[in-house]
């Protein structure tokens, strides 16, 4: 039996509540990054990502993985701890 490959959910097909969550999360990431005085290039390197992916995350235009959330939160916590 041949299985059809499942399509990844597209942003435009996402539930409105999920879109709102991603947008709000992205805004918080951008605010924290700027508070830490890091450029998008520096933050992307710190989480081992590319600039365009981080930009899409900050703009709420990409679905996040648990790993994305973990790495971003870890970087933000480390940065904010240094600024205390």
N, C-alpha and C. Protein backbone atom coordinates (compact mmCIF):
# COMPACT_ATOMS: atom_id res chain seq x y z
N UNK A 1 0.83 -1.18 0.00
CA UNK A 1 0.00 0.00 0.00
C UNK A 1 0.89 1.25 0.00
N UNK A 2 0.62 2.16 -0.89
CA UNK A 2 1.38 3.39 -0.99
C UNK A 2 0.70 4.47 -0.16
N UNK A 3 1.49 5.09 0.69
CA UNK A 3 0.95 6.16 1.53
C UNK A 3 1.22 7.51 0.88
N UNK A 4 0.25 8.37 1.00
CA UNK A 4 0.45 9.74 0.51
C UNK A 4 1.23 10.51 1.55
N UNK A 5 2.15 11.31 1.07
CA UNK A 5 2.94 12.13 1.96
C UNK A 5 2.06 13.28 2.48
N UNK A 6 2.05 13.44 3.80
CA UNK A 6 1.24 14.51 4.38
C UNK A 6 1.89 15.86 4.12
N UNK A 7 1.06 16.83 3.81
CA UNK A 7 1.56 18.18 3.59
C UNK A 7 1.74 18.87 4.93
N UNK A 8 2.78 19.72 4.99
CA UNK A 8 2.98 20.53 6.18
C UNK A 8 1.90 21.60 6.21
N UNK A 9 1.41 21.93 7.40
CA UNK A 9 0.40 22.99 7.46
C UNK A 9 1.01 24.32 7.02
N UNK A 10 0.31 25.02 6.19
CA UNK A 10 0.78 26.32 5.71
C UNK A 10 0.29 27.41 6.64
N UNK A 11 1.06 28.49 6.67
CA UNK A 11 0.72 29.61 7.55
C UNK A 11 -0.68 30.12 7.24
N UNK A 12 -1.01 30.24 5.97
CA UNK A 12 -2.32 30.80 5.60
C UNK A 12 -3.47 29.89 6.02
N UNK A 13 -3.20 28.60 6.22
CA UNK A 13 -4.24 27.66 6.62
C UNK A 13 -4.33 27.49 8.13
N UNK A 14 -3.48 28.19 8.86
CA UNK A 14 -3.40 28.05 10.30
C UNK A 14 -4.61 28.65 11.00
N UNK A 15 -4.91 28.10 12.15
CA UNK A 15 -5.97 28.62 13.00
C UNK A 15 -5.64 30.07 13.39
N UNK A 16 -6.63 30.96 13.41
CA UNK A 16 -6.37 32.36 13.77
C UNK A 16 -5.72 32.52 15.15
N UNK A 17 -6.10 31.68 16.10
CA UNK A 17 -5.50 31.77 17.44
C UNK A 17 -4.01 31.41 17.39
N UNK A 18 -3.66 30.44 16.56
CA UNK A 18 -2.25 30.06 16.42
C UNK A 18 -1.46 31.19 15.77
N UNK A 19 -2.05 31.84 14.77
CA UNK A 19 -1.39 32.98 14.12
C UNK A 19 -1.14 34.09 15.13
N UNK A 20 -2.14 34.35 15.96
CA UNK A 20 -2.01 35.41 16.97
C UNK A 20 -0.90 35.06 17.96
N UNK A 21 -0.86 33.80 18.39
CA UNK A 21 0.19 33.37 19.30
C UNK A 21 1.57 33.58 18.69
N UNK A 22 1.74 33.14 17.44
CA UNK A 22 3.04 33.27 16.77
C UNK A 22 3.44 34.74 16.61
N UNK A 23 2.48 35.58 16.28
CA UNK A 23 2.76 37.01 16.12
C UNK A 23 3.19 37.62 17.45
N UNK A 24 2.45 37.32 18.51
CA UNK A 24 2.79 37.86 19.83
C UNK A 24 4.13 37.33 20.34
N UNK A 25 4.38 36.05 20.12
CA UNK A 25 5.65 35.46 20.55
C UNK A 25 6.81 36.12 19.80
N UNK A 26 6.64 36.30 18.51
CA UNK A 26 7.68 36.94 17.71
C UNK A 26 7.97 38.36 18.16
N UNK A 27 6.92 39.10 18.50
CA UNK A 27 7.11 40.47 19.00
C UNK A 27 7.90 40.47 20.30
N UNK A 28 7.58 39.53 21.19
CA UNK A 28 8.31 39.45 22.46
C UNK A 28 9.78 39.10 22.24
N UNK A 29 10.03 38.20 21.30
CA UNK A 29 11.42 37.83 20.99
C UNK A 29 12.18 39.05 20.48
N UNK A 30 11.57 39.79 19.57
CA UNK A 30 12.24 40.99 19.02
C UNK A 30 12.51 42.01 20.12
N UNK A 31 11.52 42.25 20.99
CA UNK A 31 11.70 43.21 22.08
C UNK A 31 12.84 42.79 23.00
N UNK A 32 12.87 41.52 23.36
CA UNK A 32 13.93 41.03 24.25
C UNK A 32 15.29 41.10 23.56
N UNK A 33 15.32 40.77 22.28
CA UNK A 33 16.59 40.82 21.54
C UNK A 33 17.13 42.24 21.52
N UNK A 34 16.26 43.20 21.28
CA UNK A 34 16.69 44.59 21.25
C UNK A 34 17.09 45.08 22.64
N UNK A 35 16.37 44.61 23.66
CA UNK A 35 16.73 44.98 25.03
C UNK A 35 18.12 44.45 25.37
N UNK A 36 18.46 43.31 24.82
CA UNK A 36 19.79 42.72 25.04
C UNK A 36 20.85 43.34 24.13
N UNK A 37 20.41 44.24 23.26
CA UNK A 37 21.30 44.93 22.33
C UNK A 37 22.03 43.96 21.40
N UNK A 38 21.26 42.98 20.90
CA UNK A 38 21.81 42.04 19.93
C UNK A 38 21.17 42.31 18.58
N UNK A 39 21.97 42.17 17.54
CA UNK A 39 21.42 42.30 16.19
C UNK A 39 20.76 40.98 15.82
N UNK A 40 19.98 41.02 14.77
CA UNK A 40 19.33 39.80 14.31
C UNK A 40 20.39 38.79 13.84
N UNK A 41 21.49 39.30 13.30
CA UNK A 41 22.59 38.43 12.86
C UNK A 41 23.22 37.72 14.05
N UNK A 42 23.46 38.46 15.12
CA UNK A 42 24.06 37.87 16.32
C UNK A 42 23.14 36.82 16.94
N UNK A 43 21.85 37.14 17.02
CA UNK A 43 20.91 36.20 17.63
C UNK A 43 20.75 34.95 16.76
N UNK A 44 20.70 35.13 15.46
CA UNK A 44 20.58 33.98 14.56
C UNK A 44 21.78 33.05 14.73
N UNK A 45 22.96 33.63 14.84
CA UNK A 45 24.16 32.81 15.04
C UNK A 45 24.11 32.09 16.38
N UNK A 46 23.61 32.78 17.40
CA UNK A 46 23.55 32.19 18.75
C UNK A 46 22.61 30.99 18.82
N UNK A 47 21.56 31.00 18.01
CA UNK A 47 20.62 29.87 18.03
C UNK A 47 20.85 28.92 16.85
N UNK A 48 21.95 29.14 16.14
CA UNK A 48 22.33 28.29 15.02
C UNK A 48 21.23 28.26 13.94
N UNK A 49 20.79 29.44 13.57
CA UNK A 49 19.75 29.59 12.56
C UNK A 49 20.22 30.61 11.54
N UNK A 50 19.46 30.76 10.48
CA UNK A 50 19.81 31.81 9.53
C UNK A 50 18.95 33.04 9.79
N UNK A 51 19.41 34.16 9.28
CA UNK A 51 18.77 35.45 9.55
C UNK A 51 17.32 35.46 9.05
N UNK A 52 17.09 34.92 7.88
CA UNK A 52 15.74 34.97 7.32
C UNK A 52 14.76 34.16 8.17
N UNK A 53 15.21 33.04 8.71
CA UNK A 53 14.32 32.24 9.57
C UNK A 53 13.99 33.01 10.85
N UNK A 54 14.99 33.62 11.47
CA UNK A 54 14.74 34.38 12.68
C UNK A 54 13.83 35.57 12.39
N UNK A 55 14.01 36.20 11.26
CA UNK A 55 13.14 37.31 10.87
C UNK A 55 11.69 36.84 10.74
N UNK A 56 11.50 35.69 10.11
CA UNK A 56 10.13 35.15 9.97
C UNK A 56 9.55 34.79 11.33
N UNK A 57 10.39 34.30 12.25
CA UNK A 57 9.92 34.00 13.60
C UNK A 57 9.47 35.29 14.28
N UNK A 58 10.30 36.33 14.20
CA UNK A 58 9.97 37.60 14.85
C UNK A 58 8.72 38.24 14.25
N UNK A 59 8.45 37.96 12.99
CA UNK A 59 7.27 38.52 12.34
C UNK A 59 6.06 37.60 12.44
N UNK A 60 6.21 36.48 13.12
CA UNK A 60 5.10 35.55 13.31
C UNK A 60 4.67 34.85 12.05
N UNK A 61 5.57 34.67 11.11
CA UNK A 61 5.23 34.10 9.81
C UNK A 61 5.70 32.67 9.62
N UNK A 62 6.13 32.03 10.69
CA UNK A 62 6.64 30.67 10.56
C UNK A 62 6.22 29.87 11.78
N UNK A 63 5.91 28.63 11.56
CA UNK A 63 5.53 27.75 12.65
C UNK A 63 6.79 27.33 13.39
N UNK A 64 6.76 27.39 14.70
CA UNK A 64 7.94 27.10 15.52
C UNK A 64 7.97 25.64 15.96
N UNK A 65 9.18 25.16 16.14
CA UNK A 65 9.34 23.84 16.75
C UNK A 65 9.62 24.05 18.23
N UNK A 66 9.51 23.00 18.99
CA UNK A 66 9.85 23.07 20.41
C UNK A 66 11.32 23.47 20.57
N UNK A 67 12.16 22.96 19.69
CA UNK A 67 13.59 23.30 19.74
C UNK A 67 13.81 24.79 19.50
N UNK A 68 13.07 25.38 18.55
CA UNK A 68 13.17 26.83 18.30
C UNK A 68 12.85 27.61 19.57
N UNK A 69 11.75 27.26 20.19
CA UNK A 69 11.30 27.96 21.40
C UNK A 69 12.34 27.79 22.51
N UNK A 70 12.84 26.58 22.68
CA UNK A 70 13.84 26.32 23.71
C UNK A 70 15.10 27.16 23.49
N UNK A 71 15.63 27.15 22.27
CA UNK A 71 16.87 27.88 21.99
C UNK A 71 16.68 29.39 22.14
N UNK A 72 15.56 29.90 21.65
CA UNK A 72 15.30 31.34 21.78
C UNK A 72 15.16 31.75 23.24
N UNK A 73 14.39 30.99 23.99
CA UNK A 73 14.19 31.33 25.40
C UNK A 73 15.49 31.21 26.19
N UNK A 74 16.29 30.21 25.87
CA UNK A 74 17.57 30.03 26.55
C UNK A 74 18.48 31.24 26.30
N UNK A 75 18.56 31.67 25.06
CA UNK A 75 19.38 32.84 24.72
C UNK A 75 18.88 34.10 25.41
N UNK A 76 17.57 34.27 25.42
CA UNK A 76 17.00 35.46 26.05
C UNK A 76 17.27 35.46 27.55
N UNK A 77 17.10 34.31 28.19
CA UNK A 77 17.36 34.22 29.63
C UNK A 77 18.81 34.54 29.95
N UNK A 78 19.73 33.97 29.17
CA UNK A 78 21.16 34.22 29.40
C UNK A 78 21.48 35.70 29.23
N UNK A 79 20.94 36.28 28.20
CA UNK A 79 21.20 37.69 27.91
C UNK A 79 20.63 38.59 28.99
N UNK A 80 19.40 38.33 29.38
CA UNK A 80 18.76 39.18 30.38
C UNK A 80 19.40 39.01 31.75
N UNK A 81 19.93 37.82 32.05
CA UNK A 81 20.63 37.60 33.32
C UNK A 81 21.90 38.45 33.39
N UNK A 82 22.57 38.60 32.25
CA UNK A 82 23.80 39.40 32.21
C UNK A 82 23.50 40.88 32.44
N UNK A 83 22.30 41.31 32.05
CA UNK A 83 21.94 42.72 32.15
C UNK A 83 21.35 43.10 33.51
N UNK A 84 21.20 42.13 34.39
CA UNK A 84 20.61 42.44 35.71
C UNK A 84 21.65 43.06 36.61
